[in-house]
Protein backbone atom coordinates (compact mmCIF):
# COMPACT_ATOMS: atom_id res chain seq x y z
CA MET A 1 153.94 -55.49 15.24
CA MET A 2 151.16 -56.47 17.60
CA GLU A 3 152.93 -59.72 18.37
CA GLY A 4 155.51 -57.94 20.43
CA LEU A 5 152.96 -56.45 22.78
CA SER A 6 151.65 -57.91 25.90
CA PRO A 7 147.95 -59.07 26.08
CA VAL A 8 147.11 -55.93 28.20
CA SER A 9 148.66 -53.64 25.74
CA ARG A 10 146.83 -55.34 22.93
CA ARG A 11 143.58 -54.82 24.70
CA VAL A 12 144.41 -51.10 25.27
CA VAL A 13 145.28 -50.64 21.59
CA ALA A 14 142.03 -52.39 20.59
CA VAL A 15 140.00 -50.19 22.88
CA ALA A 16 141.71 -47.15 21.55
CA LEU A 17 141.01 -48.17 17.92
CA LEU A 18 137.33 -48.89 18.92
CA LEU A 19 137.02 -45.43 20.64
CA LEU A 20 138.61 -43.79 17.59
CA ALA A 21 136.17 -45.58 15.32
CA MET A 22 133.21 -44.57 17.53
CA ILE A 23 134.31 -40.91 17.52
CA SER A 24 134.83 -40.89 13.80
CA THR A 25 131.38 -42.36 13.33
CA VAL A 26 129.87 -39.66 15.50
CA ASN A 27 131.72 -36.91 13.79
CA LEU A 28 131.19 -38.06 10.30
CA ILE A 29 127.63 -39.36 10.53
CA ALA A 30 125.72 -38.54 13.67
CA LEU A 31 126.65 -34.79 14.03
CA PRO A 32 125.90 -33.84 10.43
CA LEU A 33 122.66 -35.87 10.67
CA ILE A 34 121.65 -34.04 13.90
CA GLU A 35 122.62 -30.63 12.34
CA TRP A 36 120.62 -31.44 9.16
CA THR A 37 117.60 -32.47 11.22
CA GLN A 38 117.76 -29.20 13.25
CA MET A 39 117.85 -27.17 10.05
CA ALA A 40 114.87 -29.07 8.66
CA LEU A 41 112.97 -28.55 11.77
CA ASN A 42 113.68 -24.77 11.64
CA ASP A 43 112.58 -24.64 8.02
CA LEU A 44 109.42 -26.41 8.99
CA GLU A 45 108.73 -23.98 11.72
CA ASN A 46 109.32 -21.02 9.48
CA ALA A 47 106.97 -22.48 6.90
CA ARG A 48 104.27 -22.98 9.47
CA LEU A 49 104.66 -19.31 10.71
CA ARG A 50 104.61 -18.11 7.08
CA GLU A 51 101.44 -20.18 6.47
CA GLN A 52 99.81 -18.62 9.49
CA ARG A 53 100.64 -15.13 8.30
CA VAL A 54 99.36 -15.76 4.84
CA THR A 55 96.18 -17.29 6.11
CA ALA A 56 95.61 -14.40 8.50
CA ALA A 57 96.20 -11.90 5.67
CA ALA A 58 93.85 -13.93 3.40
CA ASN A 59 91.09 -13.87 5.99
CA SER A 60 91.38 -10.19 6.94
CA GLN A 61 89.38 -7.42 5.30
CA ALA A 62 90.99 -5.49 2.50
CA PRO A 63 92.01 -1.93 3.43
CA SER A 64 89.40 0.66 2.45
CA PHE A 65 90.12 3.03 -0.33
CA GLY A 66 91.41 6.41 0.55
CA ASN A 67 89.53 9.57 -0.05
CA PRO A 68 89.27 10.43 -3.72
CA ILE A 69 91.26 13.34 -5.09
CA PRO A 70 89.21 16.54 -5.02
CA ALA A 71 87.95 17.54 -8.47
CA GLU A 72 89.59 21.05 -8.24
CA LEU A 73 93.12 19.34 -8.06
CA LEU A 74 92.50 17.28 -11.22
CA VAL A 75 92.57 18.09 -14.84
CA ILE A 76 89.06 16.99 -16.06
CA ALA A 77 89.42 15.78 -19.64
CA ASP A 78 88.05 13.07 -21.93
CA ASN A 79 91.55 11.72 -22.73
CA GLN A 80 95.21 12.26 -22.06
CA ALA A 81 95.86 14.33 -25.08
CA THR A 82 92.99 16.82 -24.09
CA ALA A 83 94.43 16.85 -20.53
CA PHE A 84 97.87 17.69 -21.88
CA ASP A 85 96.38 20.66 -23.80
CA GLN A 86 94.57 21.94 -20.75
CA VAL A 87 97.82 21.67 -18.66
CA THR A 88 99.69 23.48 -21.39
CA GLY A 89 97.18 26.29 -21.21
CA VAL A 90 97.44 26.45 -17.42
CA VAL A 91 101.24 26.57 -17.56
CA SER A 92 101.23 29.22 -20.23
CA ALA A 93 98.80 31.40 -18.33
CA VAL A 94 100.78 31.10 -15.01
CA ALA A 95 104.05 31.86 -16.90
CA ALA A 96 102.55 34.97 -18.66
CA LYS A 97 101.20 36.23 -15.18
CA ASN A 98 104.82 35.92 -13.81
CA GLU A 99 106.54 37.44 -16.83
CA VAL A 100 108.18 34.19 -17.65
CA ARG A 101 108.84 33.27 -21.36
CA VAL A 102 107.95 29.70 -22.21
CA ASP A 103 110.22 28.36 -25.04
CA GLY A 104 108.59 25.01 -25.26
CA ILE A 105 106.31 22.51 -23.59
CA SER A 106 106.57 18.91 -24.80
CA PRO A 107 104.81 15.68 -23.50
CA ALA A 108 107.00 13.28 -21.54
CA LEU A 109 106.54 9.52 -21.15
CA THR A 110 104.49 8.65 -18.10
CA GLY A 111 104.06 4.88 -18.37
CA GLY A 112 100.33 5.33 -18.86
CA GLY A 113 97.76 5.67 -16.15
CA ASN A 114 96.05 8.91 -15.26
CA ARG A 115 99.21 11.15 -15.26
CA VAL A 116 100.12 13.82 -17.71
CA ALA A 117 103.83 14.46 -17.71
CA PHE A 118 105.56 17.16 -19.65
CA ASP A 119 108.87 18.93 -19.98
CA ILE A 120 108.96 22.71 -20.15
CA LYS A 121 111.76 25.12 -21.03
CA GLY A 122 111.78 28.84 -20.53
CA SER A 123 113.51 31.91 -19.24
CA GLY A 124 112.94 34.81 -16.84
CA SER A 125 114.29 36.29 -13.76
CA GLU A 126 115.10 33.81 -11.01
CA THR A 127 112.49 35.16 -8.68
CA SER A 128 109.79 35.02 -11.41
CA LEU A 129 110.75 31.47 -12.24
CA VAL A 130 110.52 30.32 -8.66
CA LYS A 131 107.30 32.14 -8.19
CA MET A 132 105.83 30.53 -11.26
CA LEU A 133 106.84 27.01 -10.26
CA SER A 134 105.30 27.72 -6.79
CA GLU A 135 102.07 28.84 -8.28
CA LEU A 136 101.86 25.77 -10.46
CA GLU A 137 102.20 23.58 -7.44
CA VAL A 138 99.55 25.28 -5.33
CA GLY A 139 97.17 26.26 -8.16
CA SER A 140 94.16 24.43 -9.57
CA PRO A 141 94.65 22.00 -11.16
CA THR A 142 97.78 21.05 -9.27
CA VAL A 143 100.86 20.61 -11.31
CA ARG A 144 103.72 19.07 -9.39
CA CYS A 145 107.30 19.72 -10.40
CA GLU A 146 109.04 16.34 -10.46
CA SER A 147 112.40 17.91 -11.14
CA TRP A 148 113.56 21.38 -12.12
CA THR A 149 116.79 23.21 -12.74
CA ILE A 150 117.43 26.97 -13.05
CA LEU A 151 120.51 27.82 -14.99
CA ALA A 152 122.25 31.07 -14.00
CA PRO A 153 122.58 33.61 -16.78
CA ASP A 154 125.82 34.22 -18.59
CA ALA A 155 125.49 37.98 -18.25
CA PRO A 156 124.12 39.95 -15.23
CA GLU A 157 121.24 41.41 -17.28
CA ALA A 158 120.38 38.24 -19.16
CA PRO A 159 117.38 36.16 -18.04
CA ALA A 160 117.92 32.83 -16.21
CA LYS A 161 116.92 29.61 -18.11
CA PHE A 162 115.00 26.83 -16.61
CA LEU A 163 114.07 23.24 -17.33
CA ALA A 164 111.31 21.46 -15.50
CA ARG A 165 109.34 18.16 -15.59
CA GLY A 166 105.78 18.67 -14.54
CA ILE A 167 103.16 16.15 -13.69
CA ALA A 168 99.43 16.67 -13.33
CA VAL A 169 96.71 14.07 -12.58
CA TRP A 170 93.76 13.83 -15.04
CA SER A 171 90.42 12.16 -14.79
CA PRO A 172 87.54 11.68 -17.14
CA PRO A 173 84.40 13.69 -16.28
CA ARG A 174 82.34 11.97 -13.61
């Protein structure tokens, strides 16, 4: 096929093939190599910045502890079982004060630590129930209601029922 071409045409075809080979080499080898090098340099720069941040954090002072929880907000007890008994007494007293009947208080899983968690069931008028839950949250020791539900009564004169999960923080005597 090449025999039928003039010498100039042969040179043009050879130059075109040479250019095609060069462009293919650039596209298949050089450009991916350049792109890979840029990614590696970016990763290196990110690693250096990360190292600077970690070094700065390691050399900085640790944050100071916050103010301790005031003792009047804590349940002071020798252990978690005693703390649960004290919280049960507080809840029962606040419920009686607000004319709420407590049907049951049972301990709930807390995952350890210095928290006393409990589930409480009871009944009473809706306003009494809300008042009781409010007094628990602002009283001493503080009992936070993590979740609570008031179920409307079936009959107009029947008391509303409630379910609540309460949490209090306890501490051994100092």
